[in-house]
Amino acid sequence: MTILVVEDEYLIALEAQQMMLDAGAEIVLLANSISEVHKLLDEGPKIDAAILDLKLGSDDASPLMGVFADRAIPFLLTTGFDGAARSGVRVLTKPYREAEFIDAVIELVHGSKSPQEP
């Protein structure tokens, strides 16, 4: 399973990567710009799921939602802004708790909640 984390804040990206590796993800790739995402999609391994921060520096990353949808890559959004909900797309508001993040990724990838969730 290869997961792509699209996040412009380096420490948040590293923390997300480590959480997913600890939870059993095989490969967790990091990208901090729209151009990096396109390069990984064109030249990198098959992406099974993506975690997308809606704001990458001064860039709006919303167009990547269409790119992921066109390529049938399931994704969820992360943002530090309230009210960023998108119809039919799961949004995690930062800062998020590790358990909440892992549960969201498991649900994204497997379509079910993690076993530790009540």
PDB file of N, CA and C in Angstrom:
ATOM      1  N   MET A   1       0.842  -1.176   0.000  1.00  0.00           N
ATOM      2  CA  MET A   1       0.000   0.000   0.000  1.00  0.00           C
ATOM      3  C   MET A   1       0.891   1.245   0.000  1.00  0.00           C
ATOM      4  N   THR A   2       0.686   2.117  -0.958  1.00  0.00           N
ATOM      5  CA  THR A   2       1.442   3.366  -1.053  1.00  0.00           C
ATOM      6  C   THR A   2       0.495   4.532  -0.825  1.00  0.00           C
ATOM      7  N   ILE A   3       0.839   5.348   0.167  1.00  0.00           N
ATOM      8  CA  ILE A   3       0.017   6.495   0.526  1.00  0.00           C
ATOM      9  C   ILE A   3       0.826   7.765   0.266  1.00  0.00           C
ATOM     10  N   LEU A   4       0.183   8.749  -0.298  1.00  0.00           N
ATOM     11  CA  LEU A   4       0.799  10.037  -0.575  1.00  0.00           C
ATOM     12  C   LEU A   4       0.265  11.069   0.409  1.00  0.00           C
ATOM     13  N   VAL A   5       1.180  11.742   1.109  1.00  0.00           N
ATOM     14  CA  VAL A   5       0.817  12.840   1.995  1.00  0.00           C
ATOM     15  C   VAL A   5       1.221  14.131   1.303  1.00  0.00           C
ATOM     16  N   VAL A   6       0.240  14.971   1.033  1.00  0.00           N
ATOM     17  CA  VAL A   6       0.493  16.266   0.397  1.00  0.00           C
ATOM     18  C   VAL A   6       0.327  17.317   1.481  1.00  0.00           C
ATOM     19  N   GLU A   7       1.445  17.837   1.945  1.00  0.00           N
ATOM     20  CA  GLU A   7       1.470  18.745   3.092  1.00  0.00           C
ATOM     21  C   GLU A   7       2.677  19.656   2.961  1.00  0.00           C
ATOM     22  N   ASP A   8       2.469  20.965   3.109  1.00  0.00           N
ATOM     23  CA  ASP A   8       3.581  21.898   2.946  1.00  0.00           C
ATOM     24  C   ASP A   8       4.358  22.148   4.234  1.00  0.00           C
ATOM     25  N   GLU A   9       3.804  21.785   5.387  1.00  0.00           N
ATOM     26  CA  GLU A   9       4.523  21.968   6.650  1.00  0.00           C
ATOM     27  C   GLU A   9       5.295  20.687   6.951  1.00  0.00           C
ATOM     28  N   TYR A  10       6.607  20.803   6.874  1.00  0.00           N
ATOM     29  CA  TYR A  10       7.506  19.652   6.931  1.00  0.00           C
ATOM     30  C   TYR A  10       7.286  18.784   8.165  1.00  0.00           C
ATOM     31  N   LEU A  11       7.192  19.381   9.344  1.00  0.00           N
ATOM     32  CA  LEU A  11       7.039  18.598  10.563  1.00  0.00           C
ATOM     33  C   LEU A  11       5.705  17.851  10.599  1.00  0.00           C
ATOM     34  N   ILE A  12       4.651  18.474  10.110  1.00  0.00           N
ATOM     35  CA  ILE A  12       3.348  17.811  10.051  1.00  0.00           C
ATOM     36  C   ILE A  12       3.420  16.638   9.078  1.00  0.00           C
ATOM     37  N   ALA A  13       4.077  16.837   7.945  1.00  0.00           N
ATOM     38  CA  ALA A  13       4.219  15.764   6.953  1.00  0.00           C
ATOM     39  C   ALA A  13       5.005  14.588   7.530  1.00  0.00           C
ATOM     40  N   LEU A  14       6.104  14.878   8.211  1.00  0.00           N
ATOM     41  CA  LEU A  14       6.906  13.801   8.809  1.00  0.00           C
ATOM     42  C   LEU A  14       6.125  13.056   9.887  1.00  0.00           C
ATOM     43  N   GLU A  15       5.378  13.789  10.689  1.00  0.00           N
ATOM     44  CA  GLU A  15       4.576  13.158  11.741  1.00  0.00           C
ATOM     45  C   GLU A  15       3.507  12.255  11.125  1.00  0.00           C
ATOM     46  N   ALA A  16       2.825  12.735  10.090  1.00  0.00           N
ATOM     47  CA  ALA A  16       1.808  11.929   9.412  1.00  0.00           C
ATOM     48  C   ALA A  16       2.445  10.681   8.802  1.00  0.00           C
ATOM     49  N   GLN A  17       3.602  10.851   8.176  1.00  0.00           N
ATOM     50  CA  GLN A  17       4.307   9.727   7.577  1.00  0.00           C
ATOM     51  C   GLN A  17       4.638   8.675   8.636  1.00  0.00           C
ATOM     52  N   GLN A  18       5.177   9.105   9.764  1.00  0.00           N
ATOM     53  CA  GLN A  18       5.558   8.172  10.814  1.00  0.00           C
ATOM     54  C   GLN A  18       4.347   7.466  11.410  1.00  0.00           C
ATOM     55  N   MET A  19       3.252   8.203  11.614  1.00  0.00           N
ATOM     56  CA  MET A  19       2.037   7.591  12.142  1.00  0.00           C
ATOM     57  C   MET A  19       1.551   6.474  11.221  1.00  0.00           C
ATOM     58  N   MET A  20       1.576   6.728   9.918  1.00  0.00           N
ATOM     59  CA  MET A  20       1.098   5.722   8.967  1.00  0.00           C
ATOM     60  C   MET A  20       2.040   4.524   8.882  1.00  0.00           C
ATOM     61  N   LEU A  21       3.339   4.769   8.923  1.00  0.00           N
ATOM     62  CA  LEU A  21       4.292   3.658   8.924  1.00  0.00           C
ATOM     63  C   LEU A  21       4.121   2.817  10.180  1.00  0.00           C
ATOM     64  N   ASP A  22       3.950   3.471  11.329  1.00  0.00           N
ATOM     65  CA  ASP A  22       3.728   2.751  12.580  1.00  0.00           C
ATOM     66  C   ASP A  22       2.445   1.929  12.534  1.00  0.00           C
ATOM     67  N   ALA A  23       1.460   2.406  11.773  1.00  0.00           N
ATOM     68  CA  ALA A  23       0.173   1.708  11.661  1.00  0.00           C
ATOM     69  C   ALA A  23       0.197   0.611  10.603  1.00  0.00           C
ATOM     70  N   GLY A  24       1.324   0.461   9.888  1.00  0.00           N
ATOM     71  CA  GLY A  24       1.453  -0.645   8.950  1.00  0.00           C
ATOM     72  C   GLY A  24       1.492  -0.296   7.481  1.00  0.00           C
ATOM     73  N   ALA A  25       1.476   0.978   7.136  1.00  0.00           N
ATOM     74  CA  ALA A  25       1.582   1.348   5.723  1.00  0.00           C
ATOM     75  C   ALA A  25       2.947   0.908   5.193  1.00  0.00           C
ATOM     76  N   GLU A  26       2.983   0.431   3.961  1.00  0.00           N
ATOM     77  CA  GLU A  26       4.231  -0.029   3.366  1.00  0.00           C
ATOM     78  C   GLU A  26       5.107   1.135   2.928  1.00  0.00           C
ATOM     79  N   ILE A  27       4.521   2.047   2.154  1.00  0.00           N
ATOM     80  CA  ILE A  27       5.267   3.195   1.634  1.00  0.00           C
ATOM     81  C   ILE A  27       4.427   4.443   1.849  1.00  0.00           C
ATOM     82  N   VAL A  28       5.047   5.477   2.404  1.00  0.00           N
ATOM     83  CA  VAL A  28       4.368   6.761   2.581  1.00  0.00           C
ATOM     84  C   VAL A  28       5.244   7.823   1.921  1.00  0.00           C
ATOM     85  N   LEU A  29       4.746   8.365   0.813  1.00  0.00           N
ATOM     86  CA  LEU A  29       5.463   9.397   0.066  1.00  0.00           C
ATOM     87  C   LEU A  29       5.010  10.775   0.528  1.00  0.00           C
ATOM     88  N   LEU A  30       5.915  11.735   0.449  1.00  0.00           N
ATOM     89  CA  LEU A  30       5.604  13.106   0.827  1.00  0.00           C
ATOM     90  C   LEU A  30       5.755  14.032  -0.375  1.00  0.00           C
ATOM     91  N   ALA A  31       4.841  14.983  -0.476  1.00  0.00           N
ATOM     92  CA  ALA A  31       4.928  16.035  -1.499  1.00  0.00           C
ATOM     93  C   ALA A  31       4.481  17.332  -0.834  1.00  0.00           C
ATOM     94  N   ASN A  32       5.157  18.427  -1.177  1.00  0.00           N
ATOM     95  CA  ASN A  32       4.783  19.699  -0.556  1.00  0.00           C
ATOM     96  C   ASN A  32       4.330  20.749  -1.565  1.00  0.00           C
ATOM     97  N   SER A  33       4.086  20.327  -2.793  1.00  0.00           N
ATOM     98  CA  SER A  33       3.615  21.266  -3.813  1.00  0.00           C
ATOM     99  C   SER A  33       2.782  20.523  -4.861  1.00  0.00           C
ATOM    100  N   ILE A  34       1.999  21.277  -5.583  1.00  0.00           N
ATOM    101  CA  ILE A  34       1.178  20.699  -6.645  1.00  0.00           C
ATOM    102  C   ILE A  34       2.055  20.077  -7.722  1.00  0.00           C
ATOM    103  N   SER A  35       3.156  20.740  -8.063  1.00  0.00           N
ATOM    104  CA  SER A  35       4.043  20.191  -9.100  1.00  0.00           C
ATOM    105  C   SER A  35       4.689  18.882  -8.649  1.00  0.00           C
ATOM    106  N   GLU A  36       5.026  18.770  -7.368  1.00  0.00           N
ATOM    107  CA  GLU A  36       5.583  17.507  -6.863  1.00  0.00           C
ATOM    108  C   GLU A  36       4.565  16.379  -6.964  1.00  0.00           C
ATOM    109  N   VAL A  37       3.309  16.688  -6.669  1.00  0.00           N
ATOM    110  CA  VAL A  37       2.257  15.679  -6.771  1.00  0.00           C
ATOM    111  C   VAL A  37       2.157  15.184  -8.201  1.00  0.00           C
ATOM    112  N   HIS A  38       2.124  16.094  -9.162  1.00  0.00           N
ATOM    113  CA  HIS A  38       2.027  15.688 -10.569  1.00  0.00           C
ATOM    114  C   HIS A  38       3.229  14.843 -10.983  1.00  0.00           C
ATOM    115  N   LYS A  39       4.410  15.206 -10.510  1.00  0.00           N
ATOM    116  CA  LYS A  39       5.605  14.435 -10.844  1.00  0.00           C
ATOM    117  C   LYS A  39       5.511  13.024 -10.264  1.00  0.00           C
ATOM    118  N   LEU A  40       5.085  12.900  -9.004  1.00  0.00           N
ATOM    119  CA  LEU A  40       4.945  11.576  -8.396  1.00  0.00           C
ATOM    120  C   LEU A  40       3.889  10.740  -9.117  1.00  0.00           C
ATOM    121  N   LEU A  41       2.782  11.371  -9.486  1.00  0.00           N
ATOM    122  CA  LEU A  41       1.730  10.639 -10.192  1.00  0.00           C
ATOM    123  C   LEU A  41       2.191  10.161 -11.557  1.00  0.00           C
ATOM    124  N   ASP A  42       3.013  10.971 -12.224  1.00  0.00           N
ATOM    125  CA  ASP A  42       3.488  10.618 -13.563  1.00  0.00           C
ATOM    126  C   ASP A  42       4.672   9.653 -13.540  1.00  0.00           C
ATOM    127  N   GLU A  43       5.571   9.802 -12.557  1.00  0.00           N
ATOM    128  CA  GLU A  43       6.826   9.066 -12.581  1.00  0.00           C
ATOM    129  C   GLU A  43       7.022   8.106 -11.420  1.00  0.00           C
ATOM    130  N   GLY A  44       6.208   8.227 -10.381  1.00  0.00           N
ATOM    131  CA  GLY A  44       6.406   7.424  -9.183  1.00  0.00           C
ATOM    132  C   GLY A  44       5.608   6.139  -9.200  1.00  0.00           C
ATOM    133  N   PRO A  45       5.583   5.470  -8.059  1.00  0.00           N
ATOM    134  CA  PRO A  45       4.810   4.226  -7.951  1.00  0.00           C
ATOM    135  C   PRO A  45       3.308   4.511  -7.955  1.00  0.00           C
ATOM    136  N   LYS A  46       2.523   3.468  -8.095  1.00  0.00           N
ATOM    137  CA  LYS A  46       1.069   3.594  -8.039  1.00  0.00           C
ATOM    138  C   LYS A  46       0.679   4.091  -6.647  1.00  0.00           C
ATOM    139  N   ILE A  47      -0.127   5.135  -6.595  1.00  0.00           N
ATOM    140  CA  ILE A  47      -0.610   5.699  -5.339  1.00  0.00           C
ATOM    141  C   ILE A  47      -1.955   5.053  -5.015  1.00  0.00           C
ATOM    142  N   ASP A  48      -2.068   4.485  -3.815  1.00  0.00           N
ATOM    143  CA  ASP A  48      -3.303   3.815  -3.413  1.00  0.00           C
ATOM    144  C   ASP A  48      -4.268   4.746  -2.675  1.00  0.00           C
ATOM    145  N   ALA A  49      -3.745   5.787  -2.036  1.00  0.00           N
ATOM    146  CA  ALA A  49      -4.582   6.741  -1.308  1.00  0.00           C
ATOM    147  C   ALA A  49      -3.763   8.005  -1.069  1.00  0.00           C
ATOM    148  N   ALA A  50      -4.473   9.108  -0.839  1.00  0.00           N
ATOM    149  CA  ALA A  50      -3.785  10.388  -0.624  1.00  0.00           C
ATOM    150  C   ALA A  50      -4.415  11.152   0.532  1.00  0.00           C
ATOM    151  N   ILE A  51      -3.557  11.867   1.236  1.00  0.00           N
ATOM    152  CA  ILE A  51      -3.964  12.788   2.296  1.00  0.00           C
ATOM    153  C   ILE A  51      -3.585  14.161   1.765  1.00  0.00           C
ATOM    154  N   LEU A  52      -4.554  15.043   1.615  1.00  0.00           N
ATOM    155  CA  LEU A  52      -4.330  16.319   0.932  1.00  0.00           C
ATOM    156  C   LEU A  52      -4.620  17.501   1.835  1.00  0.00           C
ATOM    157  N   ASP A  53      -3.593  18.321   2.076  1.00  0.00           N
ATOM    158  CA  ASP A  53      -3.776  19.605   2.749  1.00  0.00           C
ATOM    159  C   ASP A  53      -4.316  20.571   1.698  1.00  0.00           C
ATOM    160  N   LEU A  54      -5.386  21.269   2.034  1.00  0.00           N
ATOM    161  CA  LEU A  54      -6.021  22.161   1.052  1.00  0.00           C
ATOM    162  C   LEU A  54      -5.200  23.402   0.725  1.00  0.00           C
ATOM    163  N   LYS A  55      -4.302  23.790   1.609  1.00  0.00           N
ATOM    164  CA  LYS A  55      -3.509  24.995   1.390  1.00  0.00           C
ATOM    165  C   LYS A  55      -2.038  24.613   1.394  1.00  0.00           C
ATOM    166  N   LEU A  56      -1.378  24.787   0.264  1.00  0.00           N
ATOM    167  CA  LEU A  56       0.051  24.496   0.144  1.00  0.00           C
ATOM    168  C   LEU A  56       0.787  25.804  -0.053  1.00  0.00           C
ATOM    169  N   GLY A  57       1.279  26.373   1.034  1.00  0.00           N
ATOM    170  CA  GLY A  57       1.880  27.701   0.962  1.00  0.00           C
ATOM    171  C   GLY A  57       0.810  28.682   0.550  1.00  0.00           C
ATOM    172  N   SER A  58       1.029  29.385  -0.539  1.00  0.00           N
ATOM    173  CA  SER A  58       0.027  30.338  -1.030  1.00  0.00           C
ATOM    174  C   SER A  58      -0.882  29.708  -2.094  1.00  0.00           C
ATOM    175  N   ASP A  59      -0.661  28.434  -2.396  1.00  0.00           N
ATOM    176  CA  ASP A  59      -1.442  27.767  -3.433  1.00  0.00           C
ATOM    177  C   ASP A  59      -2.670  27.050  -2.872  1.00  0.00           C
ATOM    178  N   ASP A  60      -3.747  27.097  -3.617  1.00  0.00           N
ATOM    179  CA  ASP A  60      -4.958  26.351  -3.308  1.00  0.00           C
ATOM    180  C   ASP A  60      -4.812  24.974  -3.941  1.00  0.00           C
ATOM    181  N   ALA A  61      -4.826  23.937  -3.115  1.00  0.00           N
ATOM    182  CA  ALA A  61      -4.617  22.580  -3.621  1.00  0.00           C
ATOM    183  C   ALA A  61      -5.909  21.901  -4.047  1.00  0.00           C
ATOM    184  N   SER A  62      -7.028  22.604  -4.012  1.00  0.00           N
ATOM    185  CA  SER A  62      -8.322  22.020  -4.371  1.00  0.00           C
ATOM    186  C   SER A  62      -8.334  21.343  -5.741  1.00  0.00           C
ATOM    187  N   PRO A  63      -7.646  21.880  -6.770  1.00  0.00           N
ATOM    188  CA  PRO A  63      -7.662  21.197  -8.065  1.00  0.00           C
ATOM    189  C   PRO A  63      -7.122  19.763  -8.020  1.00  0.00           C
ATOM    190  N   LEU A  64      -6.304  19.445  -7.018  1.00  0.00           N
ATOM    191  CA  LEU A  64      -5.791  18.080  -6.916  1.00  0.00           C
ATOM    192  C   LEU A  64      -6.899  17.087  -6.577  1.00  0.00           C
ATOM    193  N   MET A  65      -7.993  17.561  -5.999  1.00  0.00           N
ATOM    194  CA  MET A  65      -9.108  16.660  -5.718  1.00  0.00           C
ATOM    195  C   MET A  65      -9.622  16.056  -7.021  1.00  0.00           C
ATOM    196  N   GLY A  66      -9.740  16.861  -8.050  1.00  0.00           N
ATOM    197  CA  GLY A  66     -10.177  16.367  -9.352  1.00  0.00           C
ATOM    198  C   GLY A  66      -9.172  15.420  -9.970  1.00  0.00           C
ATOM    199  N   VAL A  67      -7.893  15.712  -9.797  1.00  0.00           N
ATOM    200  CA  VAL A  67      -6.839  14.840 -10.319  1.00  0.00           C
ATOM    201  C   VAL A  67      -6.925  13.471  -9.654  1.00  0.00           C
ATOM    202  N   PHE A  68      -7.067  13.464  -8.317  1.00  0.00           N
ATOM    203  CA  PHE A  68      -7.178  12.186  -7.605  1.00  0.00           C
ATOM    204  C   PHE A  68      -8.448  11.448  -8.020  1.00  0.00           C
ATOM    205  N   ALA A  69      -9.545  12.155  -8.132  1.00  0.00           N
ATOM    206  CA  ALA A  69     -10.810  11.524  -8.531  1.00  0.00           C
ATOM    207  C   ALA A  69     -10.697  10.912  -9.929  1.00  0.00           C
ATOM    208  N   ASP A  70     -10.086  11.648 -10.865  1.00  0.00           N
ATOM    209  CA  ASP A  70      -9.916  11.145 -12.231  1.00  0.00           C
ATOM    210  C   ASP A  70      -9.071   9.874 -12.273  1.00  0.00           C
ATOM    211  N   ARG A  71      -8.132   9.764 -11.347  1.00  0.00           N
ATOM    212  CA  ARG A  71      -7.244   8.593 -11.303  1.00  0.00           C
ATOM    213  C   ARG A  71      -7.748   7.522 -10.330  1.00  0.00           C
ATOM    214  N   ALA A  72      -8.947   7.714  -9.799  1.00  0.00           N
ATOM    215  CA  ALA A  72      -9.560   6.758  -8.854  1.00  0.00           C
ATOM    216  C   ALA A  72      -8.683   6.532  -7.623  1.00  0.00           C
ATOM    217  N   ILE A  73      -8.055   7.609  -7.149  1.00  0.00           N
ATOM    218  CA  ILE A  73      -7.253   7.555  -5.930  1.00  0.00           C
ATOM    219  C   ILE A  73      -8.111   8.114  -4.795  1.00  0.00           C
ATOM    220  N   PRO A  74      -8.479   7.273  -3.819  1.00  0.00           N
ATOM    221  CA  PRO A  74      -9.255   7.800  -2.696  1.00  0.00           C
ATOM    222  C   PRO A  74      -8.412   8.796  -1.902  1.00  0.00           C
ATOM    223  N   PHE A  75      -9.056   9.831  -1.386  1.00  0.00           N
ATOM    224  CA  PHE A  75      -8.316  10.851  -0.649  1.00  0.00           C
ATOM    225  C   PHE A  75      -9.174  11.418   0.468  1.00  0.00           C
ATOM    226  N   LEU A  76      -8.489  12.013   1.438  1.00  0.00           N
ATOM    227  CA  LEU A  76      -9.166  12.798   2.453  1.00  0.00           C
ATOM    228  C   LEU A  76      -8.424  14.109   2.567  1.00  0.00           C
ATOM    229  N   LEU A  77      -9.097  15.096   3.112  1.00  0.00           N
ATOM    230  CA  LEU A  77      -8.544  16.441   3.208  1.00  0.00           C
ATOM    231  C   LEU A  77      -8.142  16.754   4.630  1.00  0.00           C
ATOM    232  N   THR A  78      -7.082  17.528   4.776  1.00  0.00           N
ATOM    233  CA  THR A  78      -6.708  18.084   6.066  1.00  0.00           C
ATOM    234  C   THR A  78      -6.599  19.584   5.899  1.00  0.00           C
ATOM    235  N   THR A  79      -6.991  20.291   6.926  1.00  0.00           N
ATOM    236  CA  THR A  79      -6.925  21.748   6.856  1.00  0.00           C
ATOM    237  C   THR A  79      -6.901  22.337   8.254  1.00  0.00           C
ATOM    238  N   GLY A  80      -6.339  23.499   8.359  1.00  0.00           N
ATOM    239  CA  GLY A  80      -6.347  24.237   9.612  1.00  0.00           C
ATOM    240  C   GLY A  80      -7.499  25.214   9.676  1.00  0.00           C
ATOM    241  N   PHE A  81      -8.327  25.243   8.647  1.00  0.00           N
ATOM    242  CA  PHE A  81      -9.430  26.189   8.567  1.00  0.00           C
ATOM    243  C   PHE A  81     -10.755  25.494   8.815  1.00  0.00           C
ATOM    244  N   ASP A  82     -11.553  26.035   9.710  1.00  0.00           N
ATOM    245  CA  ASP A  82     -12.897  25.506   9.930  1.00  0.00           C
ATOM    246  C   ASP A  82     -13.759  25.811   8.718  1.00  0.00           C
ATOM    247  N   GLY A  83     -14.783  25.014   8.530  1.00  0.00           N
ATOM    248  CA  GLY A  83     -15.730  25.275   7.454  1.00  0.00           C
ATOM    249  C   GLY A  83     -15.227  24.910   6.080  1.00  0.00           C
ATOM    250  N   ALA A  84     -14.214  24.027   6.014  1.00  0.00           N
ATOM    251  CA  ALA A  84     -13.654  23.658   4.716  1.00  0.00           C
ATOM    252  C   ALA A  84     -14.263  22.379   4.169  1.00  0.00           C
ATOM    253  N   ALA A  85     -15.378  21.969   4.730  1.00  0.00           N
ATOM    254  CA  ALA A  85     -15.998  20.707   4.308  1.00  0.00           C
ATOM    255  C   ALA A  85     -16.334  20.725   2.822  1.00  0.00           C
ATOM    256  N   ARG A  86     -16.142  19.597   2.196  1.00  0.00           N
ATOM    257  CA  ARG A  86     -16.479  19.404   0.790  1.00  0.00           C
ATOM    258  C   ARG A  86     -17.490  18.269   0.725  1.00  0.00           C
ATOM    259  N   SER A  87     -18.421  18.382  -0.134  1.00  0.00           N
ATOM    260  CA  SER A  87     -19.467  17.377  -0.255  1.00  0.00           C
ATOM    261  C   SER A  87     -18.876  16.003  -0.549  1.00  0.00           C
ATOM    262  N   GLY A  88     -19.168  15.041   0.329  1.00  0.00           N
ATOM    263  CA  GLY A  88     -18.743  13.671   0.114  1.00  0.00           C
ATOM    264  C   GLY A  88     -17.289  13.378   0.392  1.00  0.00           C
ATOM    265  N   VAL A  89     -16.524  14.347   0.881  1.00  0.00           N
ATOM    266  CA  VAL A  89     -15.104  14.148   1.146  1.00  0.00           C
ATOM    267  C   VAL A  89     -14.860  14.326   2.640  1.00  0.00           C
ATOM    268  N   ARG A  90     -14.174  13.372   3.233  1.00  0.00           N
ATOM    269  CA  ARG A  90     -13.856  13.479   4.658  1.00  0.00           C
ATOM    270  C   ARG A  90     -12.801  14.555   4.868  1.00  0.00           C
ATOM    271  N   VAL A  91     -13.030  15.390   5.889  1.00  0.00           N
ATOM    272  CA  VAL A  91     -12.104  16.476   6.218  1.00  0.00           C
ATOM    273  C   VAL A  91     -11.666  16.322   7.661  1.00  0.00           C
ATOM    274  N   LEU A  92     -10.360  16.325   7.892  1.00  0.00           N
ATOM    275  CA  LEU A  92      -9.808  16.362   9.236  1.00  0.00           C
ATOM    276  C   LEU A  92      -9.286  17.767   9.478  1.00  0.00           C
ATOM    277  N   THR A  93      -9.752  18.369  10.559  1.00  0.00           N
ATOM    278  CA  THR A  93      -9.281  19.708  10.905  1.00  0.00           C
ATOM    279  C   THR A  93      -8.024  19.580  11.756  1.00  0.00           C
ATOM    280  N   LYS A  94      -6.985  20.309  11.365  1.00  0.00           N
ATOM    281  CA  LYS A  94      -5.727  20.300  12.113  1.00  0.00           C
ATOM    282  C   LYS A  94      -5.841  21.249  13.299  1.00  0.00           C
ATOM    283  N   PRO A  95      -5.229  20.928  14.408  1.00  0.00           N
ATOM    284  CA  PRO A  95      -4.462  19.710  14.645  1.00  0.00           C
ATOM    285  C   PRO A  95      -5.397  18.542  14.924  1.00  0.00           C
ATOM    286  N   TYR A  96      -5.069  17.380  14.397  1.00  0.00           N
ATOM    287  CA  TYR A  96      -5.873  16.184  14.610  1.00  0.00           C
ATOM    288  C   TYR A  96      -5.112  15.240  15.551  1.00  0.00           C
ATOM    289  N   ARG A  97      -5.847  14.391  16.222  1.00  0.00           N
ATOM    290  CA  ARG A  97      -5.241  13.397  17.103  1.00  0.00           C
ATOM    291  C   ARG A  97      -4.776  12.206  16.266  1.00  0.00           C
ATOM    292  N   GLU A  98      -3.746  11.524  16.744  1.00  0.00           N
ATOM    293  CA  GLU A  98      -3.195  10.391  16.009  1.00  0.00           C
ATOM    294  C   GLU A  98      -4.257   9.327  15.746  1.00  0.00           C
ATOM    295  N   ALA A  99      -5.037   8.957  16.764  1.00  0.00           N
ATOM    296  CA  ALA A  99      -6.055   7.919  16.592  1.00  0.00           C
ATOM    297  C   ALA A  99      -7.081   8.337  15.544  1.00  0.00           C
ATOM    298  N   GLU A 100      -7.477   9.594  15.569  1.00  0.00           N
ATOM    299  CA  GLU A 100      -8.443  10.109  14.589  1.00  0.00           C
ATOM    300  C   GLU A 100      -7.860  10.031  13.181  1.00  0.00           C
ATOM    301  N   PHE A 101      -6.598  10.396  13.041  1.00  0.00           N
ATOM    302  CA  PHE A 101      -5.924  10.381  11.746  1.00  0.00           C
ATOM    303  C   PHE A 101      -5.819   8.951  11.205  1.00  0.00           C
ATOM    304  N   ILE A 102      -5.341   8.031  12.047  1.00  0.00           N
ATOM    305  CA  ILE A 102      -5.181   6.641  11.614  1.00  0.00           C
ATOM    306  C   ILE A 102      -6.528   6.035  11.258  1.00  0.00           C
ATOM    307  N   ASP A 103      -7.551   6.295  12.075  1.00  0.00           N
ATOM    308  CA  ASP A 103      -8.895   5.783  11.760  1.00  0.00           C
ATOM    309  C   ASP A 103      -9.375   6.296  10.407  1.00  0.00           C
ATOM    310  N   ALA A 104      -9.141   7.568  10.126  1.00  0.00           N
ATOM    311  CA  ALA A 104      -9.572   8.152   8.853  1.00  0.00           C
ATOM    312  C   ALA A 104      -8.848   7.502   7.684  1.00  0.00           C
ATOM    313  N   VAL A 105      -7.558   7.243   7.844  1.00  0.00           N
ATOM    314  CA  VAL A 105      -6.783   6.619   6.763  1.00  0.00           C
ATOM    315  C   VAL A 105      -7.233   5.172   6.552  1.00  0.00           C
ATOM    316  N   ILE A 106      -7.458   4.442   7.639  1.00  0.00           N
ATOM    317  CA  ILE A 106      -7.926   3.054   7.517  1.00  0.00           C
ATOM    318  C   ILE A 106      -9.272   3.014   6.815  1.00  0.00           C
ATOM    319  N   GLU A 107     -10.156   3.906   7.212  1.00  0.00           N
ATOM    320  CA  GLU A 107     -11.477   3.963   6.571  1.00  0.00           C
ATOM    321  C   GLU A 107     -11.343   4.324   5.093  1.00  0.00           C
ATOM    322  N   LEU A 108     -10.445   5.239   4.787  1.00  0.00           N
ATOM    323  CA  LEU A 108     -10.210   5.653   3.402  1.00  0.00           C
ATOM    324  C   LEU A 108      -9.728   4.477   2.550  1.00  0.00           C
ATOM    325  N   VAL A 109      -8.773   3.741   3.069  1.00  0.00           N
ATOM    326  CA  VAL A 109      -8.144   2.665   2.315  1.00  0.00           C
ATOM    327  C   VAL A 109      -8.999   1.398   2.273  1.00  0.00           C
ATOM    328  N   HIS A 110      -9.604   1.066   3.401  1.00  0.00           N
ATOM    329  CA  HIS A 110     -10.327  -0.204   3.494  1.00  0.00           C
ATOM    330  C   HIS A 110     -11.839  -0.052   3.505  1.00  0.00           C
ATOM    331  N   GLY A 111     -12.326   1.175   3.608  1.00  0.00           N
ATOM    332  CA  GLY A 111     -13.760   1.391   3.625  1.00  0.00           C
ATOM    333  C   GLY A 111     -14.432   0.963   4.905  1.00  0.00           C
ATOM    334  N   SER A 112     -13.653   0.815   5.980  1.00  0.00           N
ATOM    335  CA  SER A 112     -14.231   0.449   7.271  1.00  0.00           C
ATOM    336  C   SER A 112     -13.455   1.119   8.384  1.00  0.00           C
ATOM    337  N   LYS A 113     -14.088   1.210   9.529  1.00  0.00           N
ATOM    338  CA  LYS A 113     -13.450   1.810  10.701  1.00  0.00           C
ATOM    339  C   LYS A 113     -12.444   0.826  11.270  1.00  0.00           C
ATOM    340  N   SER A 114     -11.459   1.366  12.011  1.00  0.00           N
ATOM    341  CA  SER A 114     -10.460   0.504  12.624  1.00  0.00           C
ATOM    342  C   SER A 114     -11.068  -0.283  13.774  1.00  0.00           C
ATOM    343  N   PRO A 115     -10.481  -1.439  14.117  1.00  0.00           N
ATOM    344  CA  PRO A 115     -11.051  -2.301  15.150  1.00  0.00           C
ATOM    345  C   PRO A 115     -11.125  -1.649  16.524  1.00  0.00           C
ATOM    346  N   GLN A 116     -10.246  -0.705  16.853  1.00  0.00           N
ATOM    347  CA  GLN A 116     -10.269  -0.103  18.177  1.00  0.00           C
ATOM    348  C   GLN A 116     -11.337   0.964  18.330  1.00  0.00           C
ATOM    349  N   GLU A 117     -12.008   1.326  17.262  1.00  0.00           N
ATOM    350  CA  GLU A 117     -13.053   2.346  17.359  1.00  0.00           C
ATOM    351  C   GLU A 117     -14.319   1.724  17.921  1.00  0.00           C
ATOM    352  N   PRO A 118     -14.972   2.388  18.908  1.00  0.00           N
ATOM    353  CA  PRO A 118     -16.179   1.813  19.517  1.00  0.00           C
ATOM    354  C   PRO A 118     -17.343   1.710  18.562  1.00  0.00           C
TER     355      PRO A 118
END
